[in-house]
Amino acid sequence: MIRRKPSAESMTKDVEAAFKQASRKVIEIARQTNTPIIVWIKGKVVSISAEDAEKSQQ
């Protein structure tokens, strides 16, 4: 069986979907444990709430 190499576009879509799924899980866990989410914004490490993280996804 010969397998085709996935296209860059296809791989990009898969990676984006995986990142979105992971970020939703991070937000869910942060909300359950009442802990901040640590992110990198404009060259700085920043602590944000699950609610702020969720807003930034929309």
PDB file of N, CA and C in Angstrom:
ATOM      1  N   MET A   1       0.838  -1.175   0.000  1.00  0.00           N
ATOM      2  CA  MET A   1       0.000   0.000   0.000  1.00  0.00           C
ATOM      3  C   MET A   1       0.892   1.250   0.000  1.00  0.00           C
ATOM      4  N   ILE A   2       0.623   2.144  -0.906  1.00  0.00           N
ATOM      5  CA  ILE A   2       1.378   3.385  -1.000  1.00  0.00           C
ATOM      6  C   ILE A   2       0.592   4.483  -0.301  1.00  0.00           C
ATOM      7  N   ARG A   3       1.282   5.155   0.604  1.00  0.00           N
ATOM      8  CA  ARG A   3       0.633   6.258   1.320  1.00  0.00           C
ATOM      9  C   ARG A   3       1.118   7.574   0.756  1.00  0.00           C
ATOM     10  N   ARG A   4       0.198   8.495   0.611  1.00  0.00           N
ATOM     11  CA  ARG A   4       0.555   9.822   0.143  1.00  0.00           C
ATOM     12  C   ARG A   4       1.061  10.668   1.294  1.00  0.00           C
ATOM     13  N   LYS A   5       1.992  11.515   0.983  1.00  0.00           N
ATOM     14  CA  LYS A   5       2.500  12.460   1.969  1.00  0.00           C
ATOM     15  C   LYS A   5       1.440  13.542   2.159  1.00  0.00           C
ATOM     16  N   PRO A   6       1.058  13.823   3.415  1.00  0.00           N
ATOM     17  CA  PRO A   6       0.035  14.858   3.634  1.00  0.00           C
ATOM     18  C   PRO A   6       0.530  16.220   3.137  1.00  0.00           C
ATOM     19  N   SER A   7      -0.369  17.003   2.623  1.00  0.00           N
ATOM     20  CA  SER A   7      -0.003  18.339   2.144  1.00  0.00           C
ATOM     21  C   SER A   7       0.273  19.258   3.334  1.00  0.00           C
ATOM     22  N   ALA A   8       1.031  20.305   3.081  1.00  0.00           N
ATOM     23  CA  ALA A   8       1.322  21.277   4.134  1.00  0.00           C
ATOM     24  C   ALA A   8       0.035  21.903   4.642  1.00  0.00           C
ATOM     25  N   GLU A   9      -0.901  22.153   3.749  1.00  0.00           N
ATOM     26  CA  GLU A   9      -2.189  22.750   4.145  1.00  0.00           C
ATOM     27  C   GLU A   9      -2.958  21.808   5.062  1.00  0.00           C
ATOM     28  N   SER A  10      -2.972  20.534   4.724  1.00  0.00           N
ATOM     29  CA  SER A  10      -3.667  19.541   5.534  1.00  0.00           C
ATOM     30  C   SER A  10      -3.027  19.431   6.919  1.00  0.00           C
ATOM     31  N   MET A  11      -1.703  19.422   6.941  1.00  0.00           N
ATOM     32  CA  MET A  11      -1.006  19.324   8.223  1.00  0.00           C
ATOM     33  C   MET A  11      -1.241  20.567   9.068  1.00  0.00           C
ATOM     34  N   THR A  12      -1.278  21.736   8.440  1.00  0.00           N
ATOM     35  CA  THR A  12      -1.527  22.985   9.155  1.00  0.00           C
ATOM     36  C   THR A  12      -2.907  22.960   9.803  1.00  0.00           C
ATOM     37  N   LYS A  13      -3.904  22.495   9.070  1.00  0.00           N
ATOM     38  CA  LYS A  13      -5.257  22.406   9.622  1.00  0.00           C
ATOM     39  C   LYS A  13      -5.299  21.448  10.805  1.00  0.00           C
ATOM     40  N   ASP A  14      -4.598  20.332  10.695  1.00  0.00           N
ATOM     41  CA  ASP A  14      -4.559  19.364  11.799  1.00  0.00           C
ATOM     42  C   ASP A  14      -3.889  19.955  13.035  1.00  0.00           C
ATOM     43  N   VAL A  15      -2.790  20.672  12.822  1.00  0.00           N
ATOM     44  CA  VAL A  15      -2.070  21.285  13.941  1.00  0.00           C
ATOM     45  C   VAL A  15      -2.936  22.357  14.609  1.00  0.00           C
ATOM     46  N   GLU A  16      -3.597  23.187  13.807  1.00  0.00           N
ATOM     47  CA  GLU A  16      -4.473  24.223  14.364  1.00  0.00           C
ATOM     48  C   GLU A  16      -5.589  23.602  15.190  1.00  0.00           C
ATOM     49  N   ALA A  17      -6.176  22.518  14.687  1.00  0.00           N
ATOM     50  CA  ALA A  17      -7.245  21.840  15.422  1.00  0.00           C
ATOM     51  C   ALA A  17      -6.722  21.270  16.743  1.00  0.00           C
ATOM     52  N   ALA A  18      -5.521  20.715  16.724  1.00  0.00           N
ATOM     53  CA  ALA A  18      -4.935  20.157  17.935  1.00  0.00           C
ATOM     54  C   ALA A  18      -4.655  21.251  18.969  1.00  0.00           C
ATOM     55  N   PHE A  19      -4.145  22.406  18.504  1.00  0.00           N
ATOM     56  CA  PHE A  19      -3.892  23.520  19.425  1.00  0.00           C
ATOM     57  C   PHE A  19      -5.193  24.043  20.029  1.00  0.00           C
ATOM     58  N   LYS A  20      -6.234  24.150  19.240  1.00  0.00           N
ATOM     59  CA  LYS A  20      -7.523  24.621  19.762  1.00  0.00           C
ATOM     60  C   LYS A  20      -8.069  23.657  20.803  1.00  0.00           C
ATOM     61  N   GLN A  21      -7.964  22.364  20.521  1.00  0.00           N
ATOM     62  CA  GLN A  21      -8.440  21.356  21.466  1.00  0.00           C
ATOM     63  C   GLN A  21      -7.632  21.421  22.762  1.00  0.00           C
ATOM     64  N   ALA A  22      -6.326  21.556  22.642  1.00  0.00           N
ATOM     65  CA  ALA A  22      -5.462  21.635  23.832  1.00  0.00           C
ATOM     66  C   ALA A  22      -5.763  22.888  24.645  1.00  0.00           C
ATOM     67  N   SER A  23      -5.984  24.007  23.972  1.00  0.00           N
ATOM     68  CA  SER A  23      -6.260  25.251  24.710  1.00  0.00           C
ATOM     69  C   SER A  23      -7.594  25.166  25.444  1.00  0.00           C
ATOM     70  N   ARG A  24      -8.582  24.527  24.829  1.00  0.00           N
ATOM     71  CA  ARG A  24      -9.868  24.342  25.521  1.00  0.00           C
ATOM     72  C   ARG A  24      -9.683  23.497  26.781  1.00  0.00           C
ATOM     73  N   LYS A  25      -8.837  22.468  26.686  1.00  0.00           N
ATOM     74  CA  LYS A  25      -8.574  21.601  27.833  1.00  0.00           C
ATOM     75  C   LYS A  25      -7.836  22.369  28.929  1.00  0.00           C
ATOM     76  N   VAL A  26      -6.868  23.189  28.554  1.00  0.00           N
ATOM     77  CA  VAL A  26      -6.132  24.006  29.523  1.00  0.00           C
ATOM     78  C   VAL A  26      -7.088  24.942  30.261  1.00  0.00           C
ATOM     79  N   ILE A  27      -7.977  25.586  29.508  1.00  0.00           N
ATOM     80  CA  ILE A  27      -8.955  26.498  30.122  1.00  0.00           C
ATOM     81  C   ILE A  27      -9.868  25.742  31.071  1.00  0.00           C
ATOM     82  N   GLU A  28     -10.307  24.570  30.660  1.00  0.00           N
ATOM     83  CA  GLU A  28     -11.193  23.759  31.504  1.00  0.00           C
ATOM     84  C   GLU A  28     -10.498  23.379  32.814  1.00  0.00           C
ATOM     85  N   ILE A  29      -9.244  22.946  32.730  1.00  0.00           N
ATOM     86  CA  ILE A  29      -8.507  22.551  33.934  1.00  0.00           C
ATOM     87  C   ILE A  29      -8.238  23.760  34.819  1.00  0.00           C
ATOM     88  N   ALA A  30      -7.877  24.885  34.228  1.00  0.00           N
ATOM     89  CA  ALA A  30      -7.633  26.104  35.013  1.00  0.00           C
ATOM     90  C   ALA A  30      -8.896  26.527  35.752  1.00  0.00           C
ATOM     91  N   ARG A  31     -10.024  26.419  35.099  1.00  0.00           N
ATOM     92  CA  ARG A  31     -11.290  26.783  35.745  1.00  0.00           C
ATOM     93  C   ARG A  31     -11.596  25.830  36.904  1.00  0.00           C
ATOM     94  N   GLN A  32     -11.401  24.530  36.688  1.00  0.00           N
ATOM     95  CA  GLN A  32     -11.693  23.535  37.727  1.00  0.00           C
ATOM     96  C   GLN A  32     -10.794  23.681  38.947  1.00  0.00           C
ATOM     97  N   THR A  33      -9.541  24.058  38.712  1.00  0.00           N
ATOM     98  CA  THR A  33      -8.575  24.136  39.804  1.00  0.00           C
ATOM     99  C   THR A  33      -8.359  25.556  40.316  1.00  0.00           C
ATOM    100  N   ASN A  34      -9.066  26.506  39.702  1.00  0.00           N
ATOM    101  CA  ASN A  34      -8.964  27.916  40.092  1.00  0.00           C
ATOM    102  C   ASN A  34      -7.508  28.400  40.048  1.00  0.00           C
ATOM    103  N   THR A  35      -6.839  28.063  38.954  1.00  0.00           N
ATOM    104  CA  THR A  35      -5.451  28.473  38.769  1.00  0.00           C
ATOM    105  C   THR A  35      -5.334  29.330  37.504  1.00  0.00           C
ATOM    106  N   PRO A  36      -4.324  30.209  37.471  1.00  0.00           N
ATOM    107  CA  PRO A  36      -4.138  31.047  36.283  1.00  0.00           C
ATOM    108  C   PRO A  36      -3.514  30.247  35.139  1.00  0.00           C
ATOM    109  N   ILE A  37      -3.597  30.812  33.970  1.00  0.00           N
ATOM    110  CA  ILE A  37      -2.954  30.249  32.788  1.00  0.00           C
ATOM    111  C   ILE A  37      -1.778  31.169  32.463  1.00  0.00           C
ATOM    112  N   ILE A  38      -0.610  30.586  32.291  1.00  0.00           N
ATOM    113  CA  ILE A  38       0.595  31.357  32.006  1.00  0.00           C
ATOM    114  C   ILE A  38       0.798  31.369  30.490  1.00  0.00           C
ATOM    115  N   VAL A  39       0.886  32.575  29.920  1.00  0.00           N
ATOM    116  CA  VAL A  39       1.042  32.740  28.474  1.00  0.00           C
ATOM    117  C   VAL A  39       2.151  33.742  28.176  1.00  0.00           C
ATOM    118  N   TRP A  40       2.544  33.783  26.936  1.00  0.00           N
ATOM    119  CA  TRP A  40       3.565  34.714  26.467  1.00  0.00           C
ATOM    120  C   TRP A  40       2.857  35.755  25.614  1.00  0.00           C
ATOM    121  N   ILE A  41       2.866  37.018  26.038  1.00  0.00           N
ATOM    122  CA  ILE A  41       2.194  38.096  25.303  1.00  0.00           C
ATOM    123  C   ILE A  41       3.172  39.243  25.100  1.00  0.00           C
ATOM    124  N   LYS A  42       3.396  39.593  23.850  1.00  0.00           N
ATOM    125  CA  LYS A  42       4.261  40.727  23.495  1.00  0.00           C
ATOM    126  C   LYS A  42       5.605  40.673  24.210  1.00  0.00           C
ATOM    127  N   GLY A  43       6.207  39.490  24.216  1.00  0.00           N
ATOM    128  CA  GLY A  43       7.537  39.345  24.782  1.00  0.00           C
ATOM    129  C   GLY A  43       7.604  39.213  26.288  1.00  0.00           C
ATOM    130  N   LYS A  44       6.448  39.068  26.930  1.00  0.00           N
ATOM    131  CA  LYS A  44       6.434  38.953  28.393  1.00  0.00           C
ATOM    132  C   LYS A  44       5.611  37.742  28.823  1.00  0.00           C
ATOM    133  N   VAL A  45       6.021  37.143  29.925  1.00  0.00           N
ATOM    134  CA  VAL A  45       5.252  36.062  30.535  1.00  0.00           C
ATOM    135  C   VAL A  45       4.155  36.705  31.364  1.00  0.00           C
ATOM    136  N   VAL A  46       2.907  36.274  31.111  1.00  0.00           N
ATOM    137  CA  VAL A  46       1.749  36.893  31.747  1.00  0.00           C
ATOM    138  C   VAL A  46       0.836  35.798  32.319  1.00  0.00           C
ATOM    139  N   SER A  47       0.245  36.086  33.455  1.00  0.00           N
ATOM    140  CA  SER A  47      -0.720  35.198  34.087  1.00  0.00           C
ATOM    141  C   SER A  47      -2.125  35.726  33.794  1.00  0.00           C
ATOM    142  N   ILE A  48      -2.977  34.883  33.202  1.00  0.00           N
ATOM    143  CA  ILE A  48      -4.350  35.298  32.905  1.00  0.00           C
ATOM    144  C   ILE A  48      -5.340  34.291  33.477  1.00  0.00           C
ATOM    145  N   SER A  49      -6.555  34.743  33.674  1.00  0.00           N
ATOM    146  CA  SER A  49      -7.604  33.859  34.194  1.00  0.00           C
ATOM    147  C   SER A  49      -8.168  32.994  33.062  1.00  0.00           C
ATOM    148  N   ALA A  50      -8.840  31.937  33.444  1.00  0.00           N
ATOM    149  CA  ALA A  50      -9.487  31.075  32.453  1.00  0.00           C
ATOM    150  C   ALA A  50     -10.521  31.869  31.655  1.00  0.00           C
ATOM    151  N   GLU A  51     -11.212  32.787  32.329  1.00  0.00           N
ATOM    152  CA  GLU A  51     -12.220  33.587  31.663  1.00  0.00           C
ATOM    153  C   GLU A  51     -11.587  34.493  30.592  1.00  0.00           C
ATOM    154  N   ASP A  52     -10.459  35.132  30.932  1.00  0.00           N
ATOM    155  CA  ASP A  52      -9.766  35.979  29.963  1.00  0.00           C
ATOM    156  C   ASP A  52      -9.237  35.152  28.797  1.00  0.00           C
ATOM    157  N   ALA A  53      -8.741  33.957  29.085  1.00  0.00           N
ATOM    158  CA  ALA A  53      -8.237  33.090  28.024  1.00  0.00           C
ATOM    159  C   ALA A  53      -9.368  32.696  27.082  1.00  0.00           C
ATOM    160  N   GLU A  54     -10.514  32.391  27.661  1.00  0.00           N
ATOM    161  CA  GLU A  54     -11.676  32.003  26.847  1.00  0.00           C
ATOM    162  C   GLU A  54     -12.121  33.166  25.959  1.00  0.00           C
ATOM    163  N   LYS A  55     -12.127  34.378  26.513  1.00  0.00           N
ATOM    164  CA  LYS A  55     -12.515  35.562  25.726  1.00  0.00           C
ATOM    165  C   LYS A  55     -11.564  35.757  24.553  1.00  0.00           C
ATOM    166  N   SER A  56     -10.289  35.522  24.764  1.00  0.00           N
ATOM    167  CA  SER A  56      -9.315  35.752  23.692  1.00  0.00           C
ATOM    168  C   SER A  56      -9.440  34.728  22.570  1.00  0.00           C
ATOM    169  N   GLN A  57     -10.081  33.611  22.834  1.00  0.00           N
ATOM    170  CA  GLN A  57     -10.298  32.595  21.794  1.00  0.00           C
ATOM    171  C   GLN A  57     -11.437  32.959  20.861  1.00  0.00           C
ATOM    172  N   GLN A  58     -12.332  33.790  21.303  1.00  0.00           N
ATOM    173  CA  GLN A  58     -13.527  34.093  20.505  1.00  0.00           C
ATOM    174  C   GLN A  58     -13.253  35.074  19.436  1.00  0.00           C
TER     175      GLN A  58
END
